[in-house]
Every structure is written in C-alpha cells, then in structure tokens.
C-alpha cells in the first residue's frame, strides 16, 4: 500500500495546537451518516508538533489523565495535521492497493480547528473499489476522486484546552 502525505512547508499558520485538551464530545458513524456518541471516548488529548523534513506536523495522543502522563501513542505522520488552514491544521492521506484484479482506493481527510480554547477535530475516510487496472490504480487517482468516493467513517471530537 502506498501513502501520500501532503506537506506544505511554504505555508504558515498561527494556530498553535500544542497542549492538553479535555474531550467534551466524541461522535462517529461507520459508514458515514448518523453520528452517535463513541462508546469509550478518550478523556484527554495531548497535541505536539514535530518536524518532518522541514515541515511542521501536528499529532495527538489520547490520554487518561489531565497531566497527560498516561497516553497512547498516536498515529504518527499518518493521522497527523500538516497543512495550515484558517484557525487550525489539516491532514490528508491517499492510498491505493491492487491485488489480482481488484483495485482499492482510499482518501482520508481531517481538520483540527482551534477557536479560543475550543478544539474541533473532524475526520472522514472515503474509499472505493473501482474497476481499474493496476496502471490506473494509483494514489493520484485516489486524490482525484477524494470525497466523491463513498464515506466509510466519520468522527468529530470536541475538546477544551486545559
């Protein structure tokens, strides 16, 4: 499986996501449609920034305590936020896989928007198994189709910076 991470080093964002947040709401649906509360949402999120070949990447870990000492490893670069947007950051990954005669395309997009102390993370995963040959089953094709593919998962987390 190939992954394409969009990194835009030339852009900048004033949104500093760094810190710990208390989760106030976590809803999801799979497939997309009617979001419902997540059964066991994280209590806290800890955001940190790293550098990936000169580009800023924001990632978060889920934590059980406000001090953020008991945290689960995040998704790393995949699942991160690398593109500055108004009041936040965005992350996009595309994927492709070809096996036998079957093509799989995937497109994931997430945003983290900070307004005052309120953080909203909105993420969706889209995928399809189009009738494409191996030559046309590419991450470029997944990127081109993007949100036009069926939405397979949606999650929205709201949290307050502590």
C-alpha atoms as a PDB file:
ATOM      1  CA  UNK A   1       0.000   0.000   0.000  1.00  0.00           C
ATOM      2  CA  UNK A   2       1.343   3.412  -0.909  1.00  0.00           C
ATOM      3  CA  UNK A   3       0.688   6.531   1.149  1.00  0.00           C
ATOM      4  CA  UNK A   4       0.926  10.113   0.068  1.00  0.00           C
ATOM      5  CA  UNK A   5       1.184  12.726   2.785  1.00  0.00           C
ATOM      6  CA  UNK A   6       0.531  16.260   1.685  1.00  0.00           C
ATOM      7  CA  UNK A   7       3.127  18.542   3.193  1.00  0.00           C
ATOM      8  CA  UNK A   8       3.049  22.242   2.544  1.00  0.00           C
ATOM      9  CA  UNK A   9       6.166  23.725   4.097  1.00  0.00           C
ATOM     10  CA  UNK A  10       5.797  27.116   2.440  1.00  0.00           C
ATOM     11  CA  UNK A  11       2.586  27.927   4.311  1.00  0.00           C
ATOM     12  CA  UNK A  12       2.298  29.001   7.892  1.00  0.00           C
ATOM     13  CA  UNK A  13      -0.490  29.012  10.443  1.00  0.00           C
ATOM     14  CA  UNK A  14      -0.819  30.979  13.640  1.00  0.00           C
ATOM     15  CA  UNK A  15      -2.838  28.189  15.232  1.00  0.00           C
ATOM     16  CA  UNK A  16      -0.743  26.617  17.984  1.00  0.00           C
ATOM     17  CA  UNK A  17      -2.448  23.309  18.769  1.00  0.00           C
ATOM     18  CA  UNK A  18       0.130  22.351  21.402  1.00  0.00           C
ATOM     19  CA  UNK A  19      -1.132  21.306  24.806  1.00  0.00           C
ATOM     20  CA  UNK A  20      -3.619  19.097  26.582  1.00  0.00           C
ATOM     21  CA  UNK A  21      -7.356  19.125  25.963  1.00  0.00           C
ATOM     22  CA  UNK A  22     -10.284  17.624  27.875  1.00  0.00           C
ATOM     23  CA  UNK A  23     -12.634  15.805  25.495  1.00  0.00           C
ATOM     24  CA  UNK A  24     -16.199  17.105  25.841  1.00  0.00           C
ATOM     25  CA  UNK A  25     -17.786  15.238  22.919  1.00  0.00           C
ATOM     26  CA  UNK A  26     -16.822  12.376  20.613  1.00  0.00           C
ATOM     27  CA  UNK A  27     -19.269  11.147  17.975  1.00  0.00           C
ATOM     28  CA  UNK A  28     -18.779   8.902  14.968  1.00  0.00           C
ATOM     29  CA  UNK A  29     -20.506   6.852  12.309  1.00  0.00           C
ATOM     30  CA  UNK A  30     -19.403   3.984  10.092  1.00  0.00           C
ATOM     31  CA  UNK A  31     -20.414   4.161   7.341  1.00  0.00           C
ATOM     32  CA  UNK A  32     -20.955   7.911   7.449  1.00  0.00           C
ATOM     33  CA  UNK A  33     -24.409   9.164   8.116  1.00  0.00           C
ATOM     34  CA  UNK A  34     -25.827   9.332  11.588  1.00  0.00           C
ATOM     35  CA  UNK A  35     -23.148  10.142  14.149  1.00  0.00           C
ATOM     36  CA  UNK A  36     -23.641   8.635  17.599  1.00  0.00           C
ATOM     37  CA  UNK A  37     -21.620   9.005  20.804  1.00  0.00           C
ATOM     38  CA  UNK A  38     -18.452   6.885  20.861  1.00  0.00           C
ATOM     39  CA  UNK A  39     -18.725   4.096  23.454  1.00  0.00           C
ATOM     40  CA  UNK A  40     -15.358   4.716  25.136  1.00  0.00           C
ATOM     41  CA  UNK A  41     -14.093   8.148  24.110  1.00  0.00           C
ATOM     42  CA  UNK A  42     -10.685   9.378  25.241  1.00  0.00           C
ATOM     43  CA  UNK A  43     -10.745  11.592  28.334  1.00  0.00           C
ATOM     44  CA  UNK A  44      -7.921  13.852  27.149  1.00  0.00           C
ATOM     45  CA  UNK A  45      -5.847  14.624  24.046  1.00  0.00           C
ATOM     46  CA  UNK A  46      -2.261  15.817  24.013  1.00  0.00           C
ATOM     47  CA  UNK A  47      -1.128  17.685  20.885  1.00  0.00           C
ATOM     48  CA  UNK A  48       2.524  18.112  19.974  1.00  0.00           C
ATOM     49  CA  UNK A  49       4.413  19.342  16.948  1.00  0.00           C
ATOM     50  CA  UNK A  50       7.310  17.707  15.187  1.00  0.00           C
ATOM     51  CA  UNK A  51       9.414  18.493  12.165  1.00  0.00           C
ATOM     52  CA  UNK A  52       9.319  16.253   9.091  1.00  0.00           C
ATOM     53  CA  UNK A  53      11.952  17.293   6.546  1.00  0.00           C
ATOM     54  CA  UNK A  54      11.404  20.961   7.375  1.00  0.00           C
ATOM     55  CA  UNK A  55       7.598  20.784   7.561  1.00  0.00           C
ATOM     56  CA  UNK A  56       5.531  21.126  10.727  1.00  0.00           C
ATOM     57  CA  UNK A  57       3.358  18.150  11.622  1.00  0.00           C
ATOM     58  CA  UNK A  58       0.857  18.235  14.499  1.00  0.00           C
ATOM     59  CA  UNK A  59      -0.106  14.903  16.036  1.00  0.00           C
ATOM     60  CA  UNK A  60      -2.040  13.929  19.122  1.00  0.00           C
ATOM     61  CA  UNK A  61      -2.126  11.134  21.644  1.00  0.00           C
ATOM     62  CA  UNK A  62      -5.154  10.002  23.629  1.00  0.00           C
ATOM     63  CA  UNK A  63      -4.663  10.231  27.398  1.00  0.00           C
ATOM     64  CA  UNK A  64      -6.455   9.030  30.519  1.00  0.00           C
ATOM     65  CA  UNK A  65      -5.260  11.849  32.789  1.00  0.00           C
ATOM     66  CA  UNK A  66      -5.214  15.659  32.674  1.00  0.00           C
ATOM     67  CA  UNK A  67      -1.453  15.740  33.248  1.00  0.00           C
ATOM     68  CA  UNK A  68      -1.040  13.723  30.018  1.00  0.00           C
ATOM     69  CA  UNK A  69       1.275  11.180  31.651  1.00  0.00           C
ATOM     70  CA  UNK A  70      -0.822   8.120  30.699  1.00  0.00           C
ATOM     71  CA  UNK A  71      -1.138   8.409  26.925  1.00  0.00           C
ATOM     72  CA  UNK A  72      -1.434   6.021  23.998  1.00  0.00           C
ATOM     73  CA  UNK A  73       0.820   6.501  21.048  1.00  0.00           C
ATOM     74  CA  UNK A  74      -0.781   8.489  18.253  1.00  0.00           C
ATOM     75  CA  UNK A  75      -0.934   7.685  14.569  1.00  0.00           C
ATOM     76  CA  UNK A  76       2.362   9.415  13.830  1.00  0.00           C
ATOM     77  CA  UNK A  77       2.647  11.040  10.411  1.00  0.00           C
ATOM     78  CA  UNK A  78      -0.406   9.178   9.162  1.00  0.00           C
ATOM     79  CA  UNK A  79      -3.246  10.769  11.025  1.00  0.00           C
ATOM     80  CA  UNK A  80      -1.325  13.993  11.546  1.00  0.00           C
ATOM     81  CA  UNK A  81      -2.084  17.552  10.534  1.00  0.00           C
ATOM     82  CA  UNK A  82       0.438  19.094   8.142  1.00  0.00           C
ATOM     83  CA  UNK A  83      -1.358  21.793   6.144  1.00  0.00           C
ATOM     84  CA  UNK A  84      -2.186  25.147   7.738  1.00  0.00           C
ATOM     85  CA  UNK A  85      -5.800  26.317   7.401  1.00  0.00           C
ATOM     86  CA  UNK A  86      -7.753  29.166   8.994  1.00  0.00           C
ATOM     87  CA  UNK A  87      -7.543  28.717  12.797  1.00  0.00           C
ATOM     88  CA  UNK A  88      -6.014  25.262  12.526  1.00  0.00           C
ATOM     89  CA  UNK A  89      -4.424  22.498  10.536  1.00  0.00           C
ATOM     90  CA  UNK A  90      -5.497  19.864   8.016  1.00  0.00           C
ATOM     91  CA  UNK A  91      -4.177  16.409   7.172  1.00  0.00           C
ATOM     92  CA  UNK A  92      -4.810  14.339   4.047  1.00  0.00           C
ATOM     93  CA  UNK A  93      -3.615  10.881   3.038  1.00  0.00           C
ATOM     94  CA  UNK A  94      -4.362   8.882  -0.063  1.00  0.00           C
ATOM     95  CA  UNK A  95      -3.806   5.185  -0.550  1.00  0.00           C
ATOM     96  CA  UNK A  96      -4.017   2.560  -3.248  1.00  0.00           C
ATOM     97  CA  UNK A  97      -3.770  -1.180  -3.338  1.00  0.00           C
ATOM     98  CA  UNK A  98      -4.022  -3.596  -6.243  1.00  0.00           C
ATOM     99  CA  UNK A  99      -4.360  -7.340  -5.779  1.00  0.00           C
ATOM    100  CA  UNK A 100      -5.197  -9.805  -8.512  1.00  0.00           C
ATOM    101  CA  UNK A 101      -7.780  -7.869 -10.494  1.00  0.00           C
ATOM    102  CA  UNK A 102      -9.062  -5.664  -7.664  1.00  0.00           C
ATOM    103  CA  UNK A 103      -8.214  -2.018  -7.067  1.00  0.00           C
ATOM    104  CA  UNK A 104      -8.742  -0.294  -3.718  1.00  0.00           C
ATOM    105  CA  UNK A 105      -8.529   3.494  -3.367  1.00  0.00           C
ATOM    106  CA  UNK A 106      -8.597   5.412  -0.092  1.00  0.00           C
ATOM    107  CA  UNK A 107      -8.756   9.074   0.861  1.00  0.00           C
ATOM    108  CA  UNK A 108      -8.617  10.364   4.447  1.00  0.00           C
ATOM    109  CA  UNK A 109      -9.059  13.963   5.484  1.00  0.00           C
ATOM    110  CA  UNK A 110      -9.050  15.556   8.928  1.00  0.00           C
ATOM    111  CA  UNK A 111      -9.045  19.065  10.316  1.00  0.00           C
ATOM    112  CA  UNK A 112      -8.202  20.432  13.752  1.00  0.00           C
ATOM    113  CA  UNK A 113      -9.663  23.913  14.266  1.00  0.00           C
ATOM    114  CA  UNK A 114      -8.964  25.919  17.412  1.00  0.00           C
ATOM    115  CA  UNK A 115     -11.267  28.773  18.409  1.00  0.00           C
ATOM    116  CA  UNK A 116     -10.187  30.266  21.722  1.00  0.00           C
ATOM    117  CA  UNK A 117      -9.792  27.200  23.957  1.00  0.00           C
ATOM    118  CA  UNK A 118     -12.248  25.047  21.949  1.00  0.00           C
ATOM    119  CA  UNK A 119     -10.734  22.461  19.592  1.00  0.00           C
ATOM    120  CA  UNK A 120     -12.803  20.609  16.993  1.00  0.00           C
ATOM    121  CA  UNK A 121     -11.299  17.637  15.173  1.00  0.00           C
ATOM    122  CA  UNK A 122     -13.323  16.448  12.199  1.00  0.00           C
ATOM    123  CA  UNK A 123     -12.155  13.406  10.228  1.00  0.00           C
ATOM    124  CA  UNK A 124     -13.562  11.310   7.423  1.00  0.00           C
ATOM    125  CA  UNK A 125     -12.339   8.276   5.483  1.00  0.00           C
ATOM    126  CA  UNK A 126     -13.507   7.610   1.930  1.00  0.00           C
ATOM    127  CA  UNK A 127     -12.831   4.505  -0.145  1.00  0.00           C
ATOM    128  CA  UNK A 128     -13.893   2.645  -3.248  1.00  0.00           C
ATOM    129  CA  UNK A 129     -13.061  -0.451  -5.261  1.00  0.00           C
ATOM    130  CA  UNK A 130     -13.374   0.893  -8.825  1.00  0.00           C
ATOM    131  CA  UNK A 131     -12.901  -1.217 -11.925  1.00  0.00           C
ATOM    132  CA  UNK A 132      -9.387  -0.006 -12.687  1.00  0.00           C
ATOM    133  CA  UNK A 133      -6.348  -1.851 -13.961  1.00  0.00           C
ATOM    134  CA  UNK A 134      -3.107  -1.820 -11.996  1.00  0.00           C
ATOM    135  CA  UNK A 135      -1.688   1.042 -14.048  1.00  0.00           C
ATOM    136  CA  UNK A 136      -4.598   3.343 -13.131  1.00  0.00           C
ATOM    137  CA  UNK A 137      -4.980   2.217  -9.512  1.00  0.00           C
ATOM    138  CA  UNK A 138      -2.847   4.998  -8.014  1.00  0.00           C
ATOM    139  CA  UNK A 139      -2.726   7.483  -5.155  1.00  0.00           C
ATOM    140  CA  UNK A 140      -3.157  10.209  -7.794  1.00  0.00           C
ATOM    141  CA  UNK A 141      -6.468   8.600  -8.758  1.00  0.00           C
ATOM    142  CA  UNK A 142      -7.468   8.361  -5.077  1.00  0.00           C
ATOM    143  CA  UNK A 143      -6.620  12.051  -4.628  1.00  0.00           C
ATOM    144  CA  UNK A 144      -8.590  12.981  -7.759  1.00  0.00           C
ATOM    145  CA  UNK A 145     -11.683  11.060  -6.560  1.00  0.00           C
ATOM    146  CA  UNK A 146     -11.288  12.200  -2.934  1.00  0.00           C
ATOM    147  CA  UNK A 147     -14.612  12.988  -1.272  1.00  0.00           C
ATOM    148  CA  UNK A 148     -16.606  11.734  -4.261  1.00  0.00           C
ATOM    149  CA  UNK A 149     -15.911   8.168  -3.087  1.00  0.00           C
ATOM    150  CA  UNK A 150     -18.268   6.624  -0.517  1.00  0.00           C
ATOM    151  CA  UNK A 151     -17.681   7.902   3.023  1.00  0.00           C
ATOM    152  CA  UNK A 152     -16.826   4.913   5.204  1.00  0.00           C
ATOM    153  CA  UNK A 153     -16.110   6.600   8.562  1.00  0.00           C
ATOM    154  CA  UNK A 154     -16.684   9.971  10.179  1.00  0.00           C
ATOM    155  CA  UNK A 155     -15.611  11.190  13.622  1.00  0.00           C
ATOM    156  CA  UNK A 156     -15.955  14.547  15.323  1.00  0.00           C
ATOM    157  CA  UNK A 157     -14.202  15.278  18.603  1.00  0.00           C
ATOM    158  CA  UNK A 158     -14.735  18.452  20.596  1.00  0.00           C
ATOM    159  CA  UNK A 159     -12.293  19.299  23.373  1.00  0.00           C
ATOM    160  CA  UNK A 160     -11.323  22.208  25.614  1.00  0.00           C
ATOM    161  CA  UNK A 161      -7.709  23.242  26.237  1.00  0.00           C
ATOM    162  CA  UNK A 162      -6.785  22.910  29.913  1.00  0.00           C
END
